[in-house]
Amino acid sequence: MQPHLIYLHNYYPHLETGLSRAFFQEQNACIRHSHSKANIDAFIPEASFYCPIYEGLLRY
């Protein structure tokens, strides 16, 4: 019996740092092959992302 697993694709808001669709799908296929009942979640921003992106995010 496999344990209940949750996989999360995280996204750090830097310009040009998102995952390609092909890479995202390949990784999900690998997960499904090993853990068919695992949950796979992802943060996917809107196409019209309007919030400011602060490179590095270290502002005091």
PDB file of N, CA and C in Angstrom:
ATOM      1  N   MET A   1       0.840  -1.191   0.000  1.00  0.00           N
ATOM      2  CA  MET A   1       0.000   0.000   0.000  1.00  0.00           C
ATOM      3  C   MET A   1       0.881   1.250   0.000  1.00  0.00           C
ATOM      4  N   GLN A   2       0.613   2.155  -0.921  1.00  0.00           N
ATOM      5  CA  GLN A   2       1.385   3.385  -1.007  1.00  0.00           C
ATOM      6  C   GLN A   2       0.857   4.419  -0.019  1.00  0.00           C
ATOM      7  N   PRO A   3       1.758   5.213   0.564  1.00  0.00           N
ATOM      8  CA  PRO A   3       1.287   6.299   1.429  1.00  0.00           C
ATOM      9  C   PRO A   3       0.626   7.390   0.583  1.00  0.00           C
ATOM     10  N   HIS A   4      -0.221   8.176   1.208  1.00  0.00           N
ATOM     11  CA  HIS A   4      -0.860   9.293   0.504  1.00  0.00           C
ATOM     12  C   HIS A   4       0.172  10.405   0.342  1.00  0.00           C
ATOM     13  N   LEU A   5       0.486  10.756  -0.890  1.00  0.00           N
ATOM     14  CA  LEU A   5       1.498  11.767  -1.168  1.00  0.00           C
ATOM     15  C   LEU A   5       0.881  12.971  -1.864  1.00  0.00           C
ATOM     16  N   ILE A   6       1.416  14.139  -1.547  1.00  0.00           N
ATOM     17  CA  ILE A   6       1.011  15.375  -2.206  1.00  0.00           C
ATOM     18  C   ILE A   6       2.268  16.008  -2.791  1.00  0.00           C
ATOM     19  N   TYR A   7       2.251  16.266  -4.080  1.00  0.00           N
ATOM     20  CA  TYR A   7       3.357  16.940  -4.761  1.00  0.00           C
ATOM     21  C   TYR A   7       2.902  18.353  -5.096  1.00  0.00           C
ATOM     22  N   LEU A   8       3.802  19.309  -4.950  1.00  0.00           N
ATOM     23  CA  LEU A   8       3.461  20.699  -5.231  1.00  0.00           C
ATOM     24  C   LEU A   8       4.527  21.326  -6.111  1.00  0.00           C
ATOM     25  N   HIS A   9       4.099  21.820  -7.262  1.00  0.00           N
ATOM     26  CA  HIS A   9       4.987  22.615  -8.104  1.00  0.00           C
ATOM     27  C   HIS A   9       4.904  24.036  -7.565  1.00  0.00           C
ATOM     28  N   ASN A  10       6.017  24.546  -7.051  1.00  0.00           N
ATOM     29  CA  ASN A  10       6.031  25.892  -6.497  1.00  0.00           C
ATOM     30  C   ASN A  10       6.582  26.857  -7.535  1.00  0.00           C
ATOM     31  N   TYR A  11       6.210  28.099  -7.407  1.00  0.00           N
ATOM     32  CA  TYR A  11       6.639  29.121  -8.362  1.00  0.00           C
ATOM     33  C   TYR A  11       7.165  30.301  -7.573  1.00  0.00           C
ATOM     34  N   TYR A  12       8.399  30.689  -7.841  1.00  0.00           N
ATOM     35  CA  TYR A  12       8.987  31.857  -7.194  1.00  0.00           C
ATOM     36  C   TYR A  12       8.913  33.008  -8.186  1.00  0.00           C
ATOM     37  N   PRO A  13       8.309  34.119  -7.825  1.00  0.00           N
ATOM     38  CA  PRO A  13       7.988  35.163  -8.806  1.00  0.00           C
ATOM     39  C   PRO A  13       9.172  36.006  -9.276  1.00  0.00           C
ATOM     40  N   HIS A  14      10.042  35.412 -10.058  1.00  0.00           N
ATOM     41  CA  HIS A  14      11.088  36.152 -10.764  1.00  0.00           C
ATOM     42  C   HIS A  14      10.733  36.109 -12.240  1.00  0.00           C
ATOM     43  N   LEU A  15      11.121  37.133 -12.949  1.00  0.00           N
ATOM     44  CA  LEU A  15      10.861  37.142 -14.387  1.00  0.00           C
ATOM     45  C   LEU A  15      11.544  35.957 -15.060  1.00  0.00           C
ATOM     46  N   GLU A  16      10.860  35.344 -15.997  1.00  0.00           N
ATOM     47  CA  GLU A  16      11.403  34.247 -16.813  1.00  0.00           C
ATOM     48  C   GLU A  16      11.823  33.018 -16.010  1.00  0.00           C
ATOM     49  N   THR A  17      11.139  32.706 -14.909  1.00  0.00           N
ATOM     50  CA  THR A  17      11.521  31.545 -14.102  1.00  0.00           C
ATOM     51  C   THR A  17      10.449  30.466 -14.053  1.00  0.00           C
ATOM     52  N   GLY A  18       9.405  30.598 -14.812  1.00  0.00           N
ATOM     53  CA  GLY A  18       8.350  29.588 -14.795  1.00  0.00           C
ATOM     54  C   GLY A  18       8.783  28.293 -15.467  1.00  0.00           C
ATOM     55  N   LEU A  19       8.033  27.235 -15.215  1.00  0.00           N
ATOM     56  CA  LEU A  19       8.293  25.948 -15.855  1.00  0.00           C
ATOM     57  C   LEU A  19       7.658  25.929 -17.240  1.00  0.00           C
ATOM     58  N   SER A  20       8.313  25.279 -18.176  1.00  0.00           N
ATOM     59  CA  SER A  20       7.683  25.112 -19.489  1.00  0.00           C
ATOM     60  C   SER A  20       6.560  24.084 -19.356  1.00  0.00           C
ATOM     61  N   ARG A  21       5.594  24.167 -20.234  1.00  0.00           N
ATOM     62  CA  ARG A  21       4.483  23.218 -20.202  1.00  0.00           C
ATOM     63  C   ARG A  21       4.994  21.787 -20.387  1.00  0.00           C
ATOM     64  N   ALA A  22       5.954  21.596 -21.307  1.00  0.00           N
ATOM     65  CA  ALA A  22       6.495  20.251 -21.567  1.00  0.00           C
ATOM     66  C   ALA A  22       7.180  19.690 -20.327  1.00  0.00           C
ATOM     67  N   PHE A  23       8.005  20.492 -19.657  1.00  0.00           N
ATOM     68  CA  PHE A  23       8.697  20.031 -18.450  1.00  0.00           C
ATOM     69  C   PHE A  23       7.690  19.705 -17.352  1.00  0.00           C
ATOM     70  N   PHE A  24       6.692  20.563 -17.185  1.00  0.00           N
ATOM     71  CA  PHE A  24       5.640  20.362 -16.194  1.00  0.00           C
ATOM     72  C   PHE A  24       4.929  19.025 -16.434  1.00  0.00           C
ATOM     73  N   GLN A  25       4.573  18.755 -17.680  1.00  0.00           N
ATOM     74  CA  GLN A  25       3.876  17.515 -18.015  1.00  0.00           C
ATOM     75  C   GLN A  25       4.778  16.292 -17.848  1.00  0.00           C
ATOM     76  N   GLU A  26       6.056  16.421 -18.191  1.00  0.00           N
ATOM     77  CA  GLU A  26       7.001  15.307 -18.008  1.00  0.00           C
ATOM     78  C   GLU A  26       7.139  14.948 -16.532  1.00  0.00           C
ATOM     79  N   GLN A  27       7.265  15.958 -15.688  1.00  0.00           N
ATOM     80  CA  GLN A  27       7.406  15.709 -14.256  1.00  0.00           C
ATOM     81  C   GLN A  27       6.151  15.058 -13.690  1.00  0.00           C
ATOM     82  N   ASN A  28       4.992  15.527 -14.119  1.00  0.00           N
ATOM     83  CA  ASN A  28       3.740  14.928 -13.656  1.00  0.00           C
ATOM     84  C   ASN A  28       3.625  13.476 -14.102  1.00  0.00           C
ATOM     85  N   ALA A  29       4.066  13.171 -15.320  1.00  0.00           N
ATOM     86  CA  ALA A  29       4.027  11.791 -15.817  1.00  0.00           C
ATOM     87  C   ALA A  29       4.937  10.892 -14.985  1.00  0.00           C
ATOM     88  N   CYS A  30       6.116  11.387 -14.612  1.00  0.00           N
ATOM     89  CA  CYS A  30       7.029  10.604 -13.755  1.00  0.00           C
ATOM     90  C   CYS A  30       6.394  10.329 -12.396  1.00  0.00           C
ATOM     91  N   ILE A  31       5.756  11.348 -11.843  1.00  0.00           N
ATOM     92  CA  ILE A  31       5.091  11.176 -10.543  1.00  0.00           C
ATOM     93  C   ILE A  31       3.971  10.152 -10.668  1.00  0.00           C
ATOM     94  N   ARG A  32       3.143  10.288 -11.684  1.00  0.00           N
ATOM     95  CA  ARG A  32       2.023   9.355 -11.883  1.00  0.00           C
ATOM     96  C   ARG A  32       2.506   7.924 -12.093  1.00  0.00           C
ATOM     97  N   HIS A  33       3.635   7.761 -12.755  1.00  0.00           N
ATOM     98  CA  HIS A  33       4.184   6.426 -12.990  1.00  0.00           C
ATOM     99  C   HIS A  33       4.553   5.751 -11.666  1.00  0.00           C
ATOM    100  N   SER A  34       5.110   6.514 -10.739  1.00  0.00           N
ATOM    101  CA  SER A  34       5.552   5.954  -9.456  1.00  0.00           C
ATOM    102  C   SER A  34       4.465   5.954  -8.389  1.00  0.00           C
ATOM    103  N   HIS A  35       3.622   6.969  -8.405  1.00  0.00           N
ATOM    104  CA  HIS A  35       2.598   7.137  -7.366  1.00  0.00           C
ATOM    105  C   HIS A  35       1.280   7.525  -8.032  1.00  0.00           C
ATOM    106  N   SER A  36       0.579   6.553  -8.537  1.00  0.00           N
ATOM    107  CA  SER A  36      -0.620   6.811  -9.344  1.00  0.00           C
ATOM    108  C   SER A  36      -1.737   7.525  -8.591  1.00  0.00           C
ATOM    109  N   LYS A  37      -1.763   7.423  -7.273  1.00  0.00           N
ATOM    110  CA  LYS A  37      -2.847   8.044  -6.510  1.00  0.00           C
ATOM    111  C   LYS A  37      -2.422   9.325  -5.806  1.00  0.00           C
ATOM    112  N   ALA A  38      -1.229   9.801  -6.083  1.00  0.00           N
ATOM    113  CA  ALA A  38      -0.748  11.025  -5.443  1.00  0.00           C
ATOM    114  C   ALA A  38      -1.508  12.238  -5.975  1.00  0.00           C
ATOM    115  N   ASN A  39      -1.643  13.243  -5.130  1.00  0.00           N
ATOM    116  CA  ASN A  39      -2.196  14.523  -5.566  1.00  0.00           C
ATOM    117  C   ASN A  39      -1.052  15.372  -6.111  1.00  0.00           C
ATOM    118  N   ILE A  40      -1.278  16.024  -7.233  1.00  0.00           N
ATOM    119  CA  ILE A  40      -0.294  16.932  -7.813  1.00  0.00           C
ATOM    120  C   ILE A  40      -0.943  18.305  -7.896  1.00  0.00           C
ATOM    121  N   ASP A  41      -0.352  19.270  -7.216  1.00  0.00           N
ATOM    122  CA  ASP A  41      -0.886  20.626  -7.191  1.00  0.00           C
ATOM    123  C   ASP A  41       0.148  21.582  -7.766  1.00  0.00           C
ATOM    124  N   ALA A  42      -0.316  22.742  -8.202  1.00  0.00           N
ATOM    125  CA  ALA A  42       0.595  23.738  -8.759  1.00  0.00           C
ATOM    126  C   ALA A  42       0.013  25.127  -8.565  1.00  0.00           C
ATOM    127  N   PHE A  43       0.893  26.091  -8.384  1.00  0.00           N
ATOM    128  CA  PHE A  43       0.511  27.494  -8.392  1.00  0.00           C
ATOM    129  C   PHE A  43       0.714  27.987  -9.817  1.00  0.00           C
ATOM    130  N   ILE A  44      -0.356  28.436 -10.435  1.00  0.00           N
ATOM    131  CA  ILE A  44      -0.277  28.932 -11.809  1.00  0.00           C
ATOM    132  C   ILE A  44      -0.828  30.355 -11.810  1.00  0.00           C
ATOM    133  N   PRO A  45       0.030  31.355 -12.074  1.00  0.00           N
ATOM    134  CA  PRO A  45      -0.438  32.742 -12.050  1.00  0.00           C
ATOM    135  C   PRO A  45      -1.344  33.050 -13.240  1.00  0.00           C
ATOM    136  N   GLU A  46      -2.082  34.124 -13.115  1.00  0.00           N
ATOM    137  CA  GLU A  46      -2.946  34.571 -14.203  1.00  0.00           C
ATOM    138  C   GLU A  46      -2.114  34.956 -15.421  1.00  0.00           C
ATOM    139  N   ALA A  47      -2.712  34.882 -16.576  1.00  0.00           N
ATOM    140  CA  ALA A  47      -2.028  35.326 -17.791  1.00  0.00           C
ATOM    141  C   ALA A  47      -1.790  36.832 -17.752  1.00  0.00           C
ATOM    142  N   SER A  48      -2.700  37.558 -17.115  1.00  0.00           N
ATOM    143  CA  SER A  48      -2.556  39.015 -17.005  1.00  0.00           C
ATOM    144  C   SER A  48      -2.037  39.372 -15.616  1.00  0.00           C
ATOM    145  N   PHE A  49      -0.871  38.858 -15.283  1.00  0.00           N
ATOM    146  CA  PHE A  49      -0.275  39.090 -13.965  1.00  0.00           C
ATOM    147  C   PHE A  49       0.008  40.577 -13.798  1.00  0.00           C
ATOM    148  N   TYR A  50      -0.566  41.194 -12.781  1.00  0.00           N
ATOM    149  CA  TYR A  50      -0.444  42.638 -12.635  1.00  0.00           C
ATOM    150  C   TYR A  50       0.292  43.081 -11.377  1.00  0.00           C
ATOM    151  N   CYS A  51       0.597  42.176 -10.480  1.00  0.00           N
ATOM    152  CA  CYS A  51       1.301  42.546  -9.252  1.00  0.00           C
ATOM    153  C   CYS A  51       2.768  42.823  -9.552  1.00  0.00           C
ATOM    154  N   PRO A  52       3.402  43.689  -8.769  1.00  0.00           N
ATOM    155  CA  PRO A  52       4.824  43.950  -8.999  1.00  0.00           C
ATOM    156  C   PRO A  52       5.679  42.738  -8.656  1.00  0.00           C
ATOM    157  N   ILE A  53       6.724  42.537  -9.424  1.00  0.00           N
ATOM    158  CA  ILE A  53       7.688  41.467  -9.155  1.00  0.00           C
ATOM    159  C   ILE A  53       8.964  42.135  -8.685  1.00  0.00           C
ATOM    160  N   TYR A  54       9.374  41.856  -7.483  1.00  0.00           N
ATOM    161  CA  TYR A  54      10.594  42.436  -6.925  1.00  0.00           C
ATOM    162  C   TYR A  54      11.694  41.398  -6.994  1.00  0.00           C
ATOM    163  N   GLU A  55      12.640  41.588  -7.909  1.00  0.00           N
ATOM    164  CA  GLU A  55      13.744  40.640  -8.057  1.00  0.00           C
ATOM    165  C   GLU A  55      14.464  40.506  -6.723  1.00  0.00           C
ATOM    166  N   GLY A  56      14.575  39.282  -6.211  1.00  0.00           N
ATOM    167  CA  GLY A  56      15.250  39.025  -4.943  1.00  0.00           C
ATOM    168  C   GLY A  56      14.329  39.093  -3.740  1.00  0.00           C
ATOM    169  N   LEU A  57      13.335  39.961  -3.779  1.00  0.00           N
ATOM    170  CA  LEU A  57      12.324  40.120  -2.728  1.00  0.00           C
ATOM    171  C   LEU A  57      12.876  40.520  -1.370  1.00  0.00           C
ATOM    172  N   LEU A  58      14.130  40.927  -1.272  1.00  0.00           N
ATOM    173  CA  LEU A  58      14.684  41.357   0.012  1.00  0.00           C
ATOM    174  C   LEU A  58      14.627  42.875   0.096  1.00  0.00           C
ATOM    175  N   ARG A  59      13.541  43.375   0.621  1.00  0.00           N
ATOM    176  CA  ARG A  59      13.370  44.826   0.790  1.00  0.00           C
ATOM    177  C   ARG A  59      12.998  45.085   2.236  1.00  0.00           C
ATOM    178  N   TYR A  60      13.737  45.950   2.862  1.00  0.00           N
ATOM    179  CA  TYR A  60      13.485  46.277   4.272  1.00  0.00           C
ATOM    180  C   TYR A  60      13.108  47.721   4.424  1.00  0.00           C
TER     181      TYR A  60
END
